[in-house]
Amino acid sequence: MNKEFDTLVSVVMSVYNGEKHLKESIESVLGQTFSNFEFIIVDDGSNDNSPQILERYRKKDSRIRIIHQENIGLTKSLNKAINLVQGEYIARQDVDDISLAERLEKQLNIFFKKPQTDLVASWYYIIEDKGEIIIERKLPNLKTVKRLLPFENLICHASVTFKKSTFFELEGYDEKLKYGQDKYMWMKMKNIEIIPEPLIKYRWHIGNITHARFKEKMKIEDYDYFLNERIICYFSSLLIQQGELKKARGLLKTHLRNPRHLFYYMLTFLPSWIIDIYMWRVRYSAKMILGLIFPYYRVIK
């Protein structure tokens, strides 16, 4: 890093009842190798210990600014916070997730080297509730990421830093969207860069907003079973996409009672070019068709 500016970057986080992992998340930001940032945290009507934890950190570190408000949801909270930032760049942080120490430094260096860049994302680790790494999520090439955005957002929201001016030009997150507000923003950004190394740890657990929508929209008698089967399918598909076929087989072989798991298991024995065509082309085309025919499929895909 060869540039230092006052408040070059603003880290933005929204918190709703996040006391369990809040300290770890905040500490990961405060421990960045690049230190000239402000940290704006929205307490979105929490009724647990989150407000007290936030105030303790605010008193200890002058870079932290806290907004206490009634609950209005993630999308509106992020827009509200970003309208108050001083930084030229916005880094997203989620209360469940952990930024690795060099995250801001490495992402800002991309903006310095390529000033036309609108957004910088990275690979990431997926961790379980206690913080153990489950898998390193390696993203495909940028062309594939952009092509798939209408079907699936491969960019982890908490991994990104983006240019504030671009965000305002695109009129911020769409507040009509409770989910997927990030995907539709990235689809409108022209110049995206992806750093091919993990810079955050994304926590996978049942409290994630992505999982919450299943419970909200689907009537499933045995939800725990449904979620477990989906998790097996999800992680095996990631491993197959990344070419880690032996790991995928090991995960799938005890779950072959599920037709989809059996299909993925058999897929791992095919030539890599066939696997790539299916995983990066055919599968997403099938999802699009199923989503048009069966609206509920858009929830479970």
Protein backbone atom coordinates (compact mmCIF):
# COMPACT_ATOMS: atom_id res chain seq x y z
CA MET A 1 0.00 0.00 0.00
CA ASN A 2 1.57 3.26 -1.07
CA LYS A 3 -1.35 5.63 -0.51
CA GLU A 4 -2.82 6.86 2.77
CA PHE A 5 -5.85 9.12 3.00
CA ASP A 6 -8.06 10.22 5.83
CA THR A 7 -11.29 8.31 5.64
CA LEU A 8 -10.54 6.84 2.26
CA VAL A 9 -12.87 3.95 2.97
CA SER A 10 -16.05 3.59 5.00
CA VAL A 11 -16.94 0.16 6.37
CA VAL A 12 -20.71 -0.29 6.63
CA MET A 13 -22.53 -2.90 8.69
CA SER A 14 -26.16 -3.37 9.74
CA VAL A 15 -26.90 -5.28 12.96
CA TYR A 16 -30.13 -6.88 14.09
CA ASN A 17 -29.84 -9.07 17.21
CA GLY A 18 -26.29 -10.05 16.34
CA GLU A 19 -24.74 -10.25 19.79
CA LYS A 20 -23.40 -13.81 19.33
CA HIS A 21 -20.79 -12.93 16.69
CA LEU A 22 -20.76 -9.13 16.90
CA LYS A 23 -17.51 -8.73 18.85
CA GLU A 24 -15.59 -11.05 16.52
CA SER A 25 -16.89 -9.21 13.47
CA ILE A 26 -16.02 -5.76 14.82
CA GLU A 27 -12.57 -6.87 15.95
CA SER A 28 -11.83 -8.19 12.46
CA VAL A 29 -12.46 -4.72 11.04
CA LEU A 30 -10.55 -2.86 13.72
CA GLY A 31 -7.58 -5.17 13.16
CA GLN A 32 -7.12 -4.28 9.48
CA THR A 33 -3.62 -3.50 8.21
CA PHE A 34 -5.11 -0.42 6.52
CA SER A 35 -6.33 1.74 9.38
CA ASN A 36 -7.59 5.03 7.89
CA PHE A 37 -11.27 4.17 7.73
CA GLU A 38 -14.53 4.97 9.43
CA PHE A 39 -16.81 2.19 10.62
CA ILE A 40 -20.52 2.98 10.43
CA ILE A 41 -22.74 0.46 12.19
CA VAL A 42 -26.53 0.58 12.08
CA ASP A 43 -28.30 -0.96 15.05
CA ASP A 44 -31.53 -1.87 13.27
CA GLY A 45 -33.82 -2.10 16.30
CA SER A 46 -31.97 -4.90 18.11
CA ASN A 47 -33.57 -6.16 21.32
CA ASP A 48 -30.62 -8.26 22.51
CA ASN A 49 -27.26 -7.06 23.86
CA SER A 50 -26.09 -5.67 20.51
CA PRO A 51 -26.70 -1.96 21.36
CA GLN A 52 -24.65 -2.22 24.57
CA ILE A 53 -21.80 -4.02 22.79
CA LEU A 54 -21.78 -1.38 20.05
CA GLU A 55 -21.63 1.49 22.51
CA ARG A 56 -18.69 -0.07 24.34
CA TYR A 57 -16.76 -0.26 21.08
CA ARG A 58 -17.75 3.27 20.09
CA LYS A 59 -16.24 4.61 23.30
CA LYS A 60 -13.01 2.72 22.69
CA ASP A 61 -12.44 3.61 19.02
CA SER A 62 -13.20 6.99 17.47
CA ARG A 63 -13.47 5.48 13.98
CA ILE A 64 -16.78 3.85 14.96
CA ARG A 65 -20.09 5.66 14.41
CA ILE A 66 -23.33 4.07 15.63
CA ILE A 67 -26.84 4.71 14.31
CA HIS A 68 -29.60 3.43 16.58
CA GLN A 69 -33.03 3.14 14.95
CA GLU A 70 -36.26 1.21 14.86
CA ASN A 71 -36.19 -1.90 12.70
CA ILE A 72 -36.49 -1.05 8.98
CA GLY A 73 -34.65 -4.01 7.42
CA LEU A 74 -31.25 -4.56 5.83
CA THR A 75 -31.74 -2.82 2.49
CA LYS A 76 -33.02 0.47 3.90
CA SER A 77 -30.45 0.40 6.71
CA LEU A 78 -27.56 0.03 4.26
CA ASN A 79 -28.83 2.88 2.08
CA LYS A 80 -29.24 5.06 5.17
CA ALA A 81 -25.71 4.35 6.36
CA ILE A 82 -24.11 4.85 2.95
CA ASN A 83 -25.79 8.23 2.64
CA LEU A 84 -23.80 9.28 5.71
CA VAL A 85 -20.36 7.98 4.78
CA GLN A 86 -17.31 10.16 4.22
CA GLY A 87 -15.15 7.62 2.40
CA GLU A 88 -14.55 7.41 -1.32
CA TYR A 89 -15.00 3.64 -1.13
CA ILE A 90 -17.55 1.52 0.72
CA ALA A 91 -16.60 -1.83 2.25
CA ARG A 92 -19.43 -4.11 3.34
CA GLN A 93 -19.24 -6.10 6.54
CA ASP A 94 -21.87 -8.44 7.98
CA VAL A 95 -22.34 -9.14 11.66
CA ASP A 96 -21.82 -12.90 11.21
CA ASP A 97 -18.67 -12.62 9.11
CA ILE A 98 -14.95 -12.02 9.63
CA SER A 99 -12.67 -9.86 7.49
CA LEU A 100 -9.11 -11.12 7.21
CA ALA A 101 -6.48 -8.59 8.26
CA GLU A 102 -5.33 -7.52 4.78
CA ARG A 103 -8.77 -7.34 3.21
CA LEU A 104 -9.07 -3.54 2.95
CA GLU A 105 -5.44 -3.05 1.96
CA LYS A 106 -5.61 -5.55 -0.89
CA GLN A 107 -8.96 -4.36 -2.18
CA LEU A 108 -7.96 -0.70 -2.12
CA ASN A 109 -4.78 -1.52 -4.03
CA ILE A 110 -6.95 -2.75 -6.92
CA PHE A 111 -8.71 0.63 -7.06
CA PHE A 112 -5.35 2.42 -7.05
CA LYS A 113 -4.01 0.24 -9.88
CA LYS A 114 -7.25 0.27 -11.90
CA PRO A 115 -9.06 3.58 -11.18
CA GLN A 116 -11.96 2.68 -13.50
CA THR A 117 -12.97 -0.18 -11.18
CA ASP A 118 -16.45 0.03 -9.65
CA LEU A 119 -16.35 -2.98 -7.35
CA VAL A 120 -13.74 -5.34 -5.93
CA ALA A 121 -14.77 -8.72 -4.49
CA SER A 122 -12.75 -11.76 -3.44
CA TRP A 123 -12.88 -15.47 -2.85
CA TYR A 124 -13.96 -16.39 0.66
CA TYR A 125 -13.96 -19.10 3.28
CA ILE A 126 -17.29 -20.58 4.32
CA ILE A 127 -17.22 -21.28 8.05
CA GLU A 128 -19.63 -23.00 10.41
CA ASP A 129 -21.18 -21.39 13.47
CA LYS A 130 -18.12 -21.87 15.71
CA GLY A 131 -15.74 -20.52 13.08
CA GLU A 132 -14.27 -23.71 11.64
CA ILE A 133 -13.61 -23.54 7.90
CA ILE A 134 -15.91 -25.79 5.85
CA ILE A 135 -14.69 -24.90 2.37
CA GLU A 136 -12.67 -22.31 0.49
CA ARG A 137 -15.04 -20.79 -2.04
CA LYS A 138 -13.09 -20.20 -5.23
CA LEU A 139 -14.94 -18.11 -7.78
CA PRO A 140 -14.68 -18.84 -11.52
CA ASN A 141 -13.33 -16.31 -13.99
CA LEU A 142 -14.92 -12.87 -14.09
CA LYS A 143 -16.65 -13.51 -17.41
CA THR A 144 -18.52 -16.48 -15.88
CA VAL A 145 -19.40 -14.55 -12.72
CA LYS A 146 -20.95 -11.74 -14.76
CA ARG A 147 -22.78 -14.11 -17.11
CA LEU A 148 -24.38 -15.94 -14.19
CA LEU A 149 -25.43 -12.89 -12.17
CA PRO A 150 -29.04 -12.92 -13.48
CA PHE A 151 -29.35 -16.53 -12.29
CA GLU A 152 -27.10 -16.72 -9.23
CA ASN A 153 -25.00 -14.23 -7.31
CA LEU A 154 -21.58 -15.81 -6.84
CA ILE A 155 -20.21 -12.66 -5.20
CA CYS A 156 -20.46 -12.71 -1.41
CA HIS A 157 -22.01 -9.41 -0.28
CA ALA A 158 -19.70 -9.10 2.72
CA SER A 159 -16.61 -9.56 0.53
CA VAL A 160 -17.02 -6.41 -1.53
CA THR A 161 -15.65 -2.90 -1.56
CA PHE A 162 -17.19 -0.55 -4.11
CA LYS A 163 -16.89 3.01 -5.31
CA LYS A 164 -19.32 5.36 -3.56
CA SER A 165 -19.79 7.53 -6.65
CA THR A 166 -20.87 4.53 -8.71
CA PHE A 167 -23.30 3.43 -6.00
CA PHE A 168 -25.00 6.83 -5.99
CA GLU A 169 -25.05 7.01 -9.79
CA LEU A 170 -27.00 3.73 -9.72
CA GLU A 171 -29.36 5.16 -7.05
CA GLY A 172 -28.37 2.75 -4.27
CA TYR A 173 -29.88 -0.57 -3.30
CA ASP A 174 -33.44 -1.12 -4.49
CA GLU A 175 -35.51 -0.76 -1.30
CA LYS A 176 -38.35 -2.80 -2.76
CA LEU A 177 -36.08 -5.85 -2.45
CA LYS A 178 -35.88 -7.67 0.86
CA TYR A 179 -33.47 -10.21 -0.65
CA GLY A 180 -31.01 -9.97 -3.53
CA GLN A 181 -30.46 -6.23 -3.31
CA ASP A 182 -26.73 -6.81 -3.82
CA LYS A 183 -27.15 -8.99 -6.91
CA TYR A 184 -29.18 -6.36 -8.75
CA MET A 185 -26.65 -3.68 -7.83
CA TRP A 186 -23.71 -5.76 -9.14
CA MET A 187 -25.60 -6.45 -12.38
CA LYS A 188 -25.60 -2.70 -13.06
CA MET A 189 -21.88 -2.19 -12.33
CA LYS A 190 -19.66 -2.32 -15.41
CA ASN A 191 -16.15 -2.70 -13.99
CA ILE A 192 -15.80 -5.53 -11.48
CA GLU A 193 -12.59 -7.12 -10.24
CA ILE A 194 -12.23 -10.32 -8.21
CA ILE A 195 -9.18 -11.05 -6.08
CA PRO A 196 -8.41 -14.79 -6.37
CA GLU A 197 -7.80 -15.41 -2.67
CA PRO A 198 -10.09 -15.52 0.37
CA LEU A 199 -10.29 -12.19 2.21
CA ILE A 200 -13.30 -12.90 4.42
CA LYS A 201 -14.88 -15.74 6.35
CA TYR A 202 -18.58 -16.09 5.57
CA ARG A 203 -20.50 -17.82 8.34
CA TRP A 204 -22.97 -20.47 7.18
CA HIS A 205 -25.72 -21.18 9.68
CA ILE A 206 -29.47 -21.40 9.90
CA GLY A 207 -29.78 -17.75 10.94
CA ASN A 208 -28.46 -16.46 7.61
CA ILE A 209 -30.98 -14.29 5.78
CA THR A 210 -30.79 -16.66 2.77
CA HIS A 211 -31.95 -19.56 4.91
CA ALA A 212 -34.59 -17.53 6.71
CA ARG A 213 -36.50 -17.00 3.47
CA PHE A 214 -37.02 -20.76 3.08
CA LYS A 215 -38.81 -20.92 6.40
CA GLU A 216 -40.77 -17.84 5.55
CA LYS A 217 -41.99 -18.90 2.10
CA MET A 218 -42.14 -22.69 2.11
CA LYS A 219 -44.39 -25.03 4.05
CA ILE A 220 -42.13 -27.96 4.86
CA GLU A 221 -43.03 -30.42 7.60
CA ASP A 222 -39.45 -31.51 8.39
CA TYR A 223 -37.54 -28.30 7.82
CA ASP A 224 -34.33 -29.52 9.49
CA TYR A 225 -34.19 -32.52 7.14
CA PHE A 226 -34.88 -30.29 4.14
CA LEU A 227 -32.11 -27.89 5.16
CA ASN A 228 -29.59 -30.69 5.75
CA GLU A 229 -30.29 -32.19 2.32
CA ARG A 230 -29.93 -28.78 0.71
CA ILE A 231 -26.62 -28.15 2.50
CA ILE A 232 -25.20 -31.47 1.25
CA CYS A 233 -26.28 -30.59 -2.27
CA TYR A 234 -24.92 -27.06 -2.01
CA PHE A 235 -21.46 -27.96 -0.76
CA SER A 236 -21.06 -30.90 -3.12
CA SER A 237 -21.95 -28.67 -6.08
CA LEU A 238 -19.34 -26.11 -4.98
CA LEU A 239 -16.69 -28.81 -4.75
CA ILE A 240 -17.61 -30.14 -8.19
CA GLN A 241 -17.51 -26.66 -9.70
CA GLN A 242 -14.04 -26.17 -8.20
CA GLY A 243 -12.80 -29.50 -9.53
CA GLU A 244 -12.45 -31.05 -6.06
CA LEU A 245 -14.13 -34.27 -7.15
CA LYS A 246 -12.76 -36.63 -4.50
CA LYS A 247 -14.01 -34.35 -1.73
CA ALA A 248 -17.40 -34.15 -3.42
CA ARG A 249 -17.65 -37.95 -3.62
CA GLY A 250 -16.73 -38.28 0.02
CA LEU A 251 -19.48 -35.85 0.99
CA LEU A 252 -22.10 -37.44 -1.25
CA LYS A 253 -21.51 -41.17 -0.81
CA THR A 254 -23.42 -41.42 2.48
CA HIS A 255 -26.38 -39.46 1.06
CA LEU A 256 -27.13 -41.39 -2.13
CA ARG A 257 -30.76 -41.97 -1.16
CA ASN A 258 -31.47 -38.52 -2.59
CA PRO A 259 -31.77 -38.62 -6.44
CA ARG A 260 -30.04 -35.28 -6.81
CA HIS A 261 -27.15 -36.38 -4.61
CA LEU A 262 -26.86 -39.62 -6.61
CA PHE A 263 -26.74 -37.62 -9.85
CA TYR A 264 -23.96 -35.38 -8.53
CA TYR A 265 -22.05 -38.45 -7.33
CA MET A 266 -22.17 -40.03 -10.79
CA LEU A 267 -21.21 -36.69 -12.36
CA THR A 268 -17.87 -36.70 -10.49
CA PHE A 269 -16.70 -39.70 -12.59
CA LEU A 270 -17.19 -37.93 -15.93
CA PRO A 271 -14.50 -36.03 -17.89
CA SER A 272 -13.84 -32.51 -16.62
CA TRP A 273 -15.08 -30.83 -19.81
CA ILE A 274 -18.50 -32.48 -19.44
CA ILE A 275 -18.63 -31.49 -15.76
CA ASP A 276 -17.82 -27.89 -16.65
CA ILE A 277 -20.50 -27.72 -19.33
CA TYR A 278 -23.11 -29.07 -16.95
CA MET A 279 -22.13 -27.11 -13.82
CA TRP A 280 -21.56 -23.74 -15.51
CA ARG A 281 -24.00 -23.90 -18.44
CA VAL A 282 -26.71 -26.55 -18.40
CA ARG A 283 -27.49 -26.34 -14.68
CA TYR A 284 -28.18 -22.60 -14.76
CA SER A 285 -30.28 -22.85 -17.91
CA ALA A 286 -32.34 -25.55 -16.20
CA LYS A 287 -32.77 -23.33 -13.13
CA MET A 288 -34.03 -20.49 -15.28
CA ILE A 289 -36.58 -22.71 -17.04
CA LEU A 290 -37.77 -24.27 -13.77
CA GLY A 291 -38.09 -20.83 -12.23
CA LEU A 292 -40.35 -19.71 -15.08
CA ILE A 293 -42.55 -22.81 -14.90
CA PHE A 294 -42.61 -23.22 -11.11
CA PRO A 295 -42.36 -19.85 -9.29
CA TYR A 296 -41.71 -21.60 -5.96
CA TYR A 297 -38.53 -23.11 -7.42
CA ARG A 298 -36.91 -19.69 -7.33
CA VAL A 299 -37.02 -19.98 -3.55
CA ILE A 300 -35.38 -23.39 -3.20
CA LYS A 301 -32.81 -23.41 -6.00
